[in-house]
Amino acid sequence: MNDEYYMRRAIDQARMALERDEIPIGAVVVCQDRIIARGHNLTETLCDITAHAEMLAITGSANLLHGKYLTQCTLYVTVEPCVMCAGAIGWAQVARVVYGAPDPKRGYTVYAPEAFHPKTQVTAGVLETECAELMRTFFKSKR
């Protein structure tokens, strides 16, 4: 499996969010070449501003692994994490983060570029066009 394969699984999650009229962001966590958790935005459904795709996937991973550190895991997310999610990713010590579309208005690189654990590796722009198109489609429908 490669980054595109796992990002497509995150895009599947984003589409699930879109079907629920949620902002279409999806995430998967991979450990030892296996998806161990999935998440998509549920902030509206749960009336919970912290129910971002990344947060849900991190919680699911920690529960499965019975530990709070994800030092052997890669998080794939369709949009650059926000500051809140970046903080959680940092505290969880996620080994690698792969994201699709940048978020120049709310992304962690603008407000908290040092939020991740120092050893976390970041790969940006994987299937960026597809990830960005989901967001454009969603927000265009709201205008």
N, C-alpha and C. Protein backbone atom coordinates (compact mmCIF):
# COMPACT_ATOMS: atom_id res chain seq x y z
N MET A 1 0.84 -1.18 0.00
CA MET A 1 0.00 0.00 0.00
C MET A 1 0.89 1.25 0.00
N ASN A 2 0.34 2.33 -0.53
CA ASN A 2 1.10 3.57 -0.57
C ASN A 2 0.25 4.73 -0.09
N ASP A 3 0.84 5.92 -0.07
CA ASP A 3 0.14 7.10 0.45
C ASP A 3 -1.16 7.37 -0.30
N GLU A 4 -1.17 7.20 -1.61
CA GLU A 4 -2.39 7.45 -2.37
C GLU A 4 -3.50 6.49 -1.98
N TYR A 5 -3.16 5.24 -1.76
CA TYR A 5 -4.16 4.25 -1.36
C TYR A 5 -4.83 4.68 -0.05
N TYR A 6 -4.03 5.01 0.94
CA TYR A 6 -4.59 5.37 2.24
C TYR A 6 -5.31 6.72 2.19
N MET A 7 -4.81 7.64 1.37
CA MET A 7 -5.51 8.92 1.24
C MET A 7 -6.88 8.69 0.59
N ARG A 8 -6.97 7.77 -0.32
CA ARG A 8 -8.29 7.45 -0.92
C ARG A 8 -9.25 6.92 0.15
N ARG A 9 -8.75 6.20 1.12
CA ARG A 9 -9.60 5.74 2.23
C ARG A 9 -10.03 6.94 3.07
N ALA A 10 -9.15 7.90 3.26
CA ALA A 10 -9.53 9.12 3.98
C ALA A 10 -10.57 9.90 3.18
N ILE A 11 -10.42 9.93 1.86
CA ILE A 11 -11.41 10.60 1.01
C ILE A 11 -12.76 9.90 1.12
N ASP A 12 -12.75 8.58 1.22
CA ASP A 12 -14.01 7.85 1.45
C ASP A 12 -14.69 8.35 2.71
N GLN A 13 -13.90 8.58 3.75
CA GLN A 13 -14.45 9.11 5.00
C GLN A 13 -14.98 10.52 4.81
N ALA A 14 -14.27 11.33 4.05
CA ALA A 14 -14.72 12.70 3.79
C ALA A 14 -16.06 12.68 3.06
N ARG A 15 -16.22 11.75 2.15
CA ARG A 15 -17.50 11.64 1.43
C ARG A 15 -18.63 11.24 2.38
N MET A 16 -18.32 10.45 3.38
CA MET A 16 -19.33 10.10 4.39
C MET A 16 -19.76 11.34 5.16
N ALA A 17 -18.80 12.20 5.46
CA ALA A 17 -19.13 13.46 6.13
C ALA A 17 -20.02 14.31 5.23
N LEU A 18 -19.68 14.38 3.95
CA LEU A 18 -20.45 15.16 2.99
C LEU A 18 -21.90 14.68 2.92
N GLU A 19 -22.08 13.37 2.96
CA GLU A 19 -23.43 12.79 2.94
C GLU A 19 -24.25 13.21 4.15
N ARG A 20 -23.58 13.52 5.25
CA ARG A 20 -24.24 13.94 6.49
C ARG A 20 -24.32 15.46 6.60
N ASP A 21 -23.95 16.15 5.53
CA ASP A 21 -23.91 17.61 5.50
C ASP A 21 -22.92 18.17 6.51
N GLU A 22 -21.85 17.44 6.72
CA GLU A 22 -20.74 17.87 7.56
C GLU A 22 -19.62 18.37 6.64
N ILE A 23 -18.74 19.20 7.15
CA ILE A 23 -17.58 19.61 6.35
C ILE A 23 -16.82 18.35 5.96
N PRO A 24 -16.57 18.16 4.67
CA PRO A 24 -16.03 16.88 4.19
C PRO A 24 -14.53 16.70 4.42
N ILE A 25 -14.21 16.37 5.64
CA ILE A 25 -12.83 16.03 5.99
C ILE A 25 -12.85 14.62 6.56
N GLY A 26 -11.93 13.80 6.06
CA GLY A 26 -11.84 12.42 6.51
C GLY A 26 -10.42 12.09 6.92
N ALA A 27 -10.31 11.08 7.79
CA ALA A 27 -9.00 10.66 8.28
C ALA A 27 -8.96 9.16 8.50
N VAL A 28 -7.79 8.59 8.32
CA VAL A 28 -7.54 7.20 8.71
C VAL A 28 -6.18 7.15 9.41
N VAL A 29 -6.06 6.22 10.33
CA VAL A 29 -4.78 5.99 11.00
C VAL A 29 -4.31 4.60 10.59
N VAL A 30 -3.05 4.54 10.18
CA VAL A 30 -2.45 3.30 9.70
C VAL A 30 -1.31 2.91 10.64
N CYS A 31 -1.31 1.65 11.02
CA CYS A 31 -0.25 1.10 11.86
C CYS A 31 0.15 -0.26 11.29
N GLN A 32 1.40 -0.43 10.99
CA GLN A 32 1.91 -1.67 10.42
C GLN A 32 1.12 -2.08 9.18
N ASP A 33 0.95 -1.13 8.28
CA ASP A 33 0.28 -1.33 6.99
C ASP A 33 -1.18 -1.77 7.12
N ARG A 34 -1.82 -1.38 8.21
CA ARG A 34 -3.23 -1.73 8.42
C ARG A 34 -3.97 -0.51 8.96
N ILE A 35 -5.14 -0.25 8.41
CA ILE A 35 -5.96 0.84 8.94
C ILE A 35 -6.54 0.39 10.27
N ILE A 36 -6.23 1.15 11.31
CA ILE A 36 -6.72 0.78 12.64
C ILE A 36 -7.83 1.70 13.14
N ALA A 37 -8.02 2.84 12.48
CA ALA A 37 -9.10 3.75 12.88
C ALA A 37 -9.45 4.66 11.72
N ARG A 38 -10.70 5.07 11.73
CA ARG A 38 -11.23 5.98 10.71
C ARG A 38 -12.02 7.07 11.40
N GLY A 39 -12.14 8.19 10.72
CA GLY A 39 -12.98 9.25 11.26
C GLY A 39 -13.34 10.24 10.17
N HIS A 40 -14.47 10.88 10.37
CA HIS A 40 -14.86 12.00 9.52
C HIS A 40 -15.54 13.02 10.41
N ASN A 41 -15.56 14.25 9.95
CA ASN A 41 -16.13 15.31 10.77
C ASN A 41 -17.55 14.97 11.20
N LEU A 42 -17.81 15.18 12.47
CA LEU A 42 -19.15 14.97 13.04
C LEU A 42 -19.53 16.12 13.97
N THR A 43 -18.99 17.29 13.72
CA THR A 43 -19.24 18.41 14.63
C THR A 43 -20.71 18.80 14.70
N GLU A 44 -21.40 18.78 13.57
CA GLU A 44 -22.83 19.12 13.54
C GLU A 44 -23.66 17.99 14.15
N THR A 45 -23.38 16.77 13.74
CA THR A 45 -24.13 15.61 14.19
C THR A 45 -24.07 15.46 15.71
N LEU A 46 -22.87 15.64 16.27
CA LEU A 46 -22.67 15.45 17.70
C LEU A 46 -22.79 16.76 18.50
N CYS A 47 -23.00 17.87 17.80
CA CYS A 47 -23.00 19.19 18.47
C CYS A 47 -21.75 19.33 19.34
N ASP A 48 -20.61 19.03 18.73
CA ASP A 48 -19.34 19.00 19.44
C ASP A 48 -18.27 19.58 18.54
N ILE A 49 -17.77 20.75 18.88
CA ILE A 49 -16.78 21.40 18.03
C ILE A 49 -15.46 20.65 17.98
N THR A 50 -15.24 19.71 18.88
CA THR A 50 -14.00 18.94 18.86
C THR A 50 -14.11 17.66 18.04
N ALA A 51 -15.25 17.39 17.46
CA ALA A 51 -15.47 16.13 16.72
C ALA A 51 -14.94 16.21 15.29
N HIS A 52 -13.67 16.61 15.18
CA HIS A 52 -13.01 16.66 13.88
C HIS A 52 -12.55 15.25 13.50
N ALA A 53 -12.38 15.03 12.22
CA ALA A 53 -11.98 13.72 11.71
C ALA A 53 -10.72 13.19 12.40
N GLU A 54 -9.73 14.06 12.52
CA GLU A 54 -8.47 13.64 13.13
C GLU A 54 -8.64 13.25 14.58
N MET A 55 -9.42 14.04 15.32
CA MET A 55 -9.63 13.77 16.75
C MET A 55 -10.31 12.41 16.94
N LEU A 56 -11.31 12.14 16.12
CA LEU A 56 -12.03 10.87 16.23
C LEU A 56 -11.13 9.70 15.86
N ALA A 57 -10.32 9.87 14.83
CA ALA A 57 -9.41 8.79 14.42
C ALA A 57 -8.31 8.56 15.47
N ILE A 58 -7.81 9.62 16.06
CA ILE A 58 -6.80 9.47 17.12
C ILE A 58 -7.39 8.74 18.32
N THR A 59 -8.58 9.13 18.73
CA THR A 59 -9.23 8.47 19.86
C THR A 59 -9.47 6.99 19.57
N GLY A 60 -9.96 6.70 18.38
CA GLY A 60 -10.18 5.30 17.99
C GLY A 60 -8.89 4.49 18.01
N SER A 61 -7.81 5.09 17.55
CA SER A 61 -6.51 4.40 17.53
C SER A 61 -6.00 4.14 18.94
N ALA A 62 -6.09 5.16 19.78
CA ALA A 62 -5.61 5.00 21.15
C ALA A 62 -6.41 3.93 21.89
N ASN A 63 -7.71 3.89 21.65
CA ASN A 63 -8.55 2.86 22.27
C ASN A 63 -8.15 1.47 21.79
N LEU A 64 -7.93 1.32 20.50
CA LEU A 64 -7.56 0.02 19.96
C LEU A 64 -6.20 -0.44 20.46
N LEU A 65 -5.26 0.49 20.53
CA LEU A 65 -3.90 0.15 20.95
C LEU A 65 -3.72 0.15 22.46
N HIS A 66 -4.74 0.57 23.19
CA HIS A 66 -4.69 0.65 24.65
C HIS A 66 -3.54 1.53 25.13
N GLY A 67 -3.35 2.63 24.44
CA GLY A 67 -2.30 3.56 24.82
C GLY A 67 -2.49 4.88 24.12
N LYS A 68 -1.95 5.94 24.72
CA LYS A 68 -2.18 7.27 24.17
C LYS A 68 -1.16 7.69 23.13
N TYR A 69 -0.08 6.97 22.98
CA TYR A 69 0.95 7.35 22.03
C TYR A 69 0.84 6.54 20.74
N LEU A 70 0.92 7.25 19.63
CA LEU A 70 0.79 6.62 18.31
C LEU A 70 2.11 6.72 17.56
N THR A 71 3.18 6.33 18.23
CA THR A 71 4.53 6.51 17.70
C THR A 71 4.85 5.59 16.51
N GLN A 72 4.02 4.62 16.27
CA GLN A 72 4.22 3.72 15.13
C GLN A 72 3.17 3.94 14.05
N CYS A 73 2.44 5.03 14.13
CA CYS A 73 1.28 5.24 13.26
C CYS A 73 1.45 6.41 12.30
N THR A 74 0.72 6.31 11.19
CA THR A 74 0.62 7.41 10.23
C THR A 74 -0.83 7.85 10.17
N LEU A 75 -1.05 9.13 10.25
CA LEU A 75 -2.38 9.72 10.12
C LEU A 75 -2.51 10.30 8.72
N TYR A 76 -3.52 9.86 8.00
CA TYR A 76 -3.85 10.42 6.69
C TYR A 76 -5.10 11.26 6.87
N VAL A 77 -5.06 12.49 6.41
CA VAL A 77 -6.21 13.38 6.55
C VAL A 77 -6.33 14.22 5.28
N THR A 78 -7.56 14.44 4.85
CA THR A 78 -7.79 15.07 3.56
C THR A 78 -7.44 16.56 3.52
N VAL A 79 -7.47 17.21 4.67
CA VAL A 79 -7.16 18.65 4.74
C VAL A 79 -6.16 18.87 5.87
N GLU A 80 -5.27 19.81 5.67
CA GLU A 80 -4.29 20.17 6.68
C GLU A 80 -4.96 20.33 8.04
N PRO A 81 -4.42 19.71 9.08
CA PRO A 81 -5.03 19.82 10.40
C PRO A 81 -5.07 21.26 10.93
N CYS A 82 -6.12 21.53 11.70
CA CYS A 82 -6.23 22.82 12.38
C CYS A 82 -5.31 22.81 13.60
N VAL A 83 -5.25 23.92 14.30
CA VAL A 83 -4.40 24.04 15.48
C VAL A 83 -4.80 23.03 16.57
N MET A 84 -6.10 22.88 16.81
CA MET A 84 -6.57 21.94 17.83
C MET A 84 -6.10 20.52 17.50
N CYS A 85 -6.33 20.11 16.26
CA CYS A 85 -5.95 18.76 15.86
C CYS A 85 -4.44 18.58 15.87
N ALA A 86 -3.72 19.62 15.45
CA ALA A 86 -2.27 19.56 15.47
C ALA A 86 -1.75 19.35 16.89
N GLY A 87 -2.38 20.00 17.84
CA GLY A 87 -1.99 19.80 19.24
C GLY A 87 -2.20 18.37 19.67
N ALA A 88 -3.34 17.80 19.32
CA ALA A 88 -3.63 16.40 19.67
C ALA A 88 -2.65 15.46 18.97
N ILE A 89 -2.34 15.75 17.72
CA ILE A 89 -1.38 14.93 16.97
C ILE A 89 -0.02 14.99 17.65
N GLY A 90 0.36 16.17 18.09
CA GLY A 90 1.62 16.32 18.80
C GLY A 90 1.65 15.57 20.11
N TRP A 91 0.59 15.71 20.92
CA TRP A 91 0.54 15.00 22.20
C TRP A 91 0.50 13.50 22.01
N ALA A 92 -0.13 13.02 20.94
CA ALA A 92 -0.19 11.58 20.66
C ALA A 92 1.12 11.07 20.07
N GLN A 93 2.00 11.97 19.72
CA GLN A 93 3.30 11.63 19.14
C GLN A 93 3.16 10.77 17.87
N VAL A 94 2.22 11.16 17.03
CA VAL A 94 2.02 10.46 15.76
C VAL A 94 3.32 10.52 14.97
N ALA A 95 3.74 9.38 14.44
CA ALA A 95 5.02 9.30 13.75
C ALA A 95 5.03 10.08 12.44
N ARG A 96 3.90 10.02 11.73
CA ARG A 96 3.86 10.64 10.40
C ARG A 96 2.46 11.18 10.13
N VAL A 97 2.39 12.33 9.49
CA VAL A 97 1.12 12.92 9.08
C VAL A 97 1.19 13.16 7.57
N VAL A 98 0.15 12.69 6.88
CA VAL A 98 0.04 12.88 5.44
C VAL A 98 -1.29 13.59 5.21
N TYR A 99 -1.24 14.76 4.57
CA TYR A 99 -2.49 15.45 4.30
C TYR A 99 -2.60 15.82 2.83
N GLY A 100 -3.84 16.05 2.42
CA GLY A 100 -4.12 16.36 1.03
C GLY A 100 -4.05 17.84 0.76
N ALA A 101 -5.15 18.55 1.01
CA ALA A 101 -5.23 19.97 0.67
C ALA A 101 -4.74 20.84 1.82
N PRO A 102 -4.04 21.92 1.50
CA PRO A 102 -3.66 22.87 2.56
C PRO A 102 -4.88 23.66 3.02
N ASP A 103 -4.77 24.24 4.21
CA ASP A 103 -5.83 25.11 4.72
C ASP A 103 -5.17 26.45 5.09
N PRO A 104 -5.06 27.34 4.10
CA PRO A 104 -4.35 28.60 4.36
C PRO A 104 -5.04 29.53 5.36
N LYS A 105 -6.32 29.29 5.67
CA LYS A 105 -7.03 30.14 6.62
C LYS A 105 -6.97 29.61 8.05
N ARG A 106 -6.99 28.30 8.22
CA ARG A 106 -7.08 27.72 9.57
C ARG A 106 -6.05 26.63 9.85
N GLY A 107 -5.17 26.34 8.91
CA GLY A 107 -4.23 25.24 9.07
C GLY A 107 -3.17 25.50 10.11
N TYR A 108 -2.63 24.43 10.65
CA TYR A 108 -1.63 24.53 11.71
C TYR A 108 -0.36 25.23 11.22
N THR A 109 -0.02 25.11 9.92
CA THR A 109 1.24 25.71 9.45
C THR A 109 1.22 27.23 9.56
N VAL A 110 0.03 27.82 9.57
CA VAL A 110 -0.08 29.27 9.72
C VAL A 110 0.05 29.68 11.18
N TYR A 111 -0.64 28.99 12.07
CA TYR A 111 -0.76 29.42 13.46
C TYR A 111 0.12 28.66 14.46
N ALA A 112 0.44 27.41 14.16
CA ALA A 112 1.22 26.61 15.11
C ALA A 112 2.12 25.62 14.40
N PRO A 113 3.07 26.12 13.63
CA PRO A 113 3.89 25.22 12.83
C PRO A 113 4.77 24.26 13.64
N GLU A 114 4.92 24.51 14.92
CA GLU A 114 5.73 23.64 15.78
C GLU A 114 4.87 22.72 16.65
N ALA A 115 3.59 22.60 16.36
CA ALA A 115 2.67 21.84 17.23
C ALA A 115 2.93 20.34 17.24
N PHE A 116 3.39 19.80 16.14
CA PHE A 116 3.64 18.36 16.08
C PHE A 116 4.87 17.99 16.92
N HIS A 117 4.94 16.72 17.27
CA HIS A 117 6.12 16.20 17.96
C HIS A 117 7.34 16.43 17.05
N PRO A 118 8.49 16.74 17.61
CA PRO A 118 9.66 17.01 16.78
C PRO A 118 10.04 15.88 15.81
N LYS A 119 9.71 14.65 16.15
CA LYS A 119 10.05 13.52 15.28
C LYS A 119 9.00 13.23 14.22
N THR A 120 7.86 13.92 14.28
CA THR A 120 6.80 13.67 13.31
C THR A 120 7.24 14.10 11.92
N GLN A 121 7.06 13.20 10.96
CA GLN A 121 7.34 13.52 9.56
C GLN A 121 6.04 13.94 8.89
N VAL A 122 6.11 14.92 8.01
CA VAL A 122 4.92 15.45 7.35
C VAL A 122 5.09 15.34 5.83
N THR A 123 4.04 14.84 5.19
CA THR A 123 3.96 14.82 3.73
C THR A 123 2.68 15.55 3.36
N ALA A 124 2.80 16.59 2.56
CA ALA A 124 1.64 17.39 2.16
C ALA A 124 1.35 17.21 0.68
N GLY A 125 0.09 17.45 0.31
CA GLY A 125 -0.27 17.49 -1.10
C GLY A 125 -0.63 16.17 -1.75
N VAL A 126 -0.84 15.12 -0.98
CA VAL A 126 -1.22 13.82 -1.55
C VAL A 126 -2.68 13.88 -1.98
N LEU A 127 -2.93 13.70 -3.26
CA LEU A 127 -4.27 13.81 -3.86
C LEU A 127 -4.92 15.15 -3.51
N GLU A 128 -4.10 16.18 -3.52
CA GLU A 128 -4.53 17.52 -3.12
C GLU A 128 -5.75 18.00 -3.91
N THR A 129 -5.75 17.80 -5.21
CA THR A 129 -6.85 18.30 -6.05
C THR A 129 -8.18 17.67 -5.65
N GLU A 130 -8.19 16.36 -5.45
CA GLU A 130 -9.43 15.67 -5.06
C GLU A 130 -9.91 16.14 -3.68
N CYS A 131 -8.98 16.27 -2.77
CA CYS A 131 -9.33 16.70 -1.42
C CYS A 131 -9.89 18.13 -1.42
N ALA A 132 -9.24 19.00 -2.15
CA ALA A 132 -9.69 20.39 -2.23
C ALA A 132 -11.04 20.50 -2.93
N GLU A 133 -11.28 19.67 -3.93
CA GLU A 133 -12.55 19.72 -4.66
C GLU A 133 -13.73 19.37 -3.75
N LEU A 134 -13.55 18.42 -2.86
CA LEU A 134 -14.62 18.09 -1.91
C LEU A 134 -14.99 19.32 -1.07
N MET A 135 -13.98 20.04 -0.62
CA MET A 135 -14.23 21.24 0.19
C MET A 135 -14.91 22.32 -0.64
N ARG A 136 -14.42 22.54 -1.86
CA ARG A 136 -15.03 23.55 -2.73
C ARG A 136 -16.50 23.22 -2.99
N THR A 137 -16.78 21.96 -3.29
CA THR A 137 -18.15 21.54 -3.57
C THR A 137 -19.05 21.80 -2.37
N PHE A 138 -18.58 21.44 -1.20
CA PHE A 138 -19.37 21.63 0.02
C PHE A 138 -19.68 23.12 0.24
N PHE A 139 -18.65 23.96 0.24
CA PHE A 139 -18.86 25.36 0.56
C PHE A 139 -19.62 26.09 -0.56
N LYS A 140 -19.46 25.65 -1.79
CA LYS A 140 -20.23 26.25 -2.87
C LYS A 140 -21.73 25.99 -2.67
N SER A 141 -22.05 24.81 -2.17
CA SER A 141 -23.47 24.47 -1.93
C SER A 141 -24.07 25.28 -0.78
N LYS A 142 -23.22 25.83 0.07
CA LYS A 142 -23.68 26.61 1.23
C LYS A 142 -23.89 28.08 0.90
N ARG A 143 -23.35 28.50 -0.22
CA ARG A 143 -23.43 29.93 -0.58
C ARG A 143 -24.68 30.24 -1.37
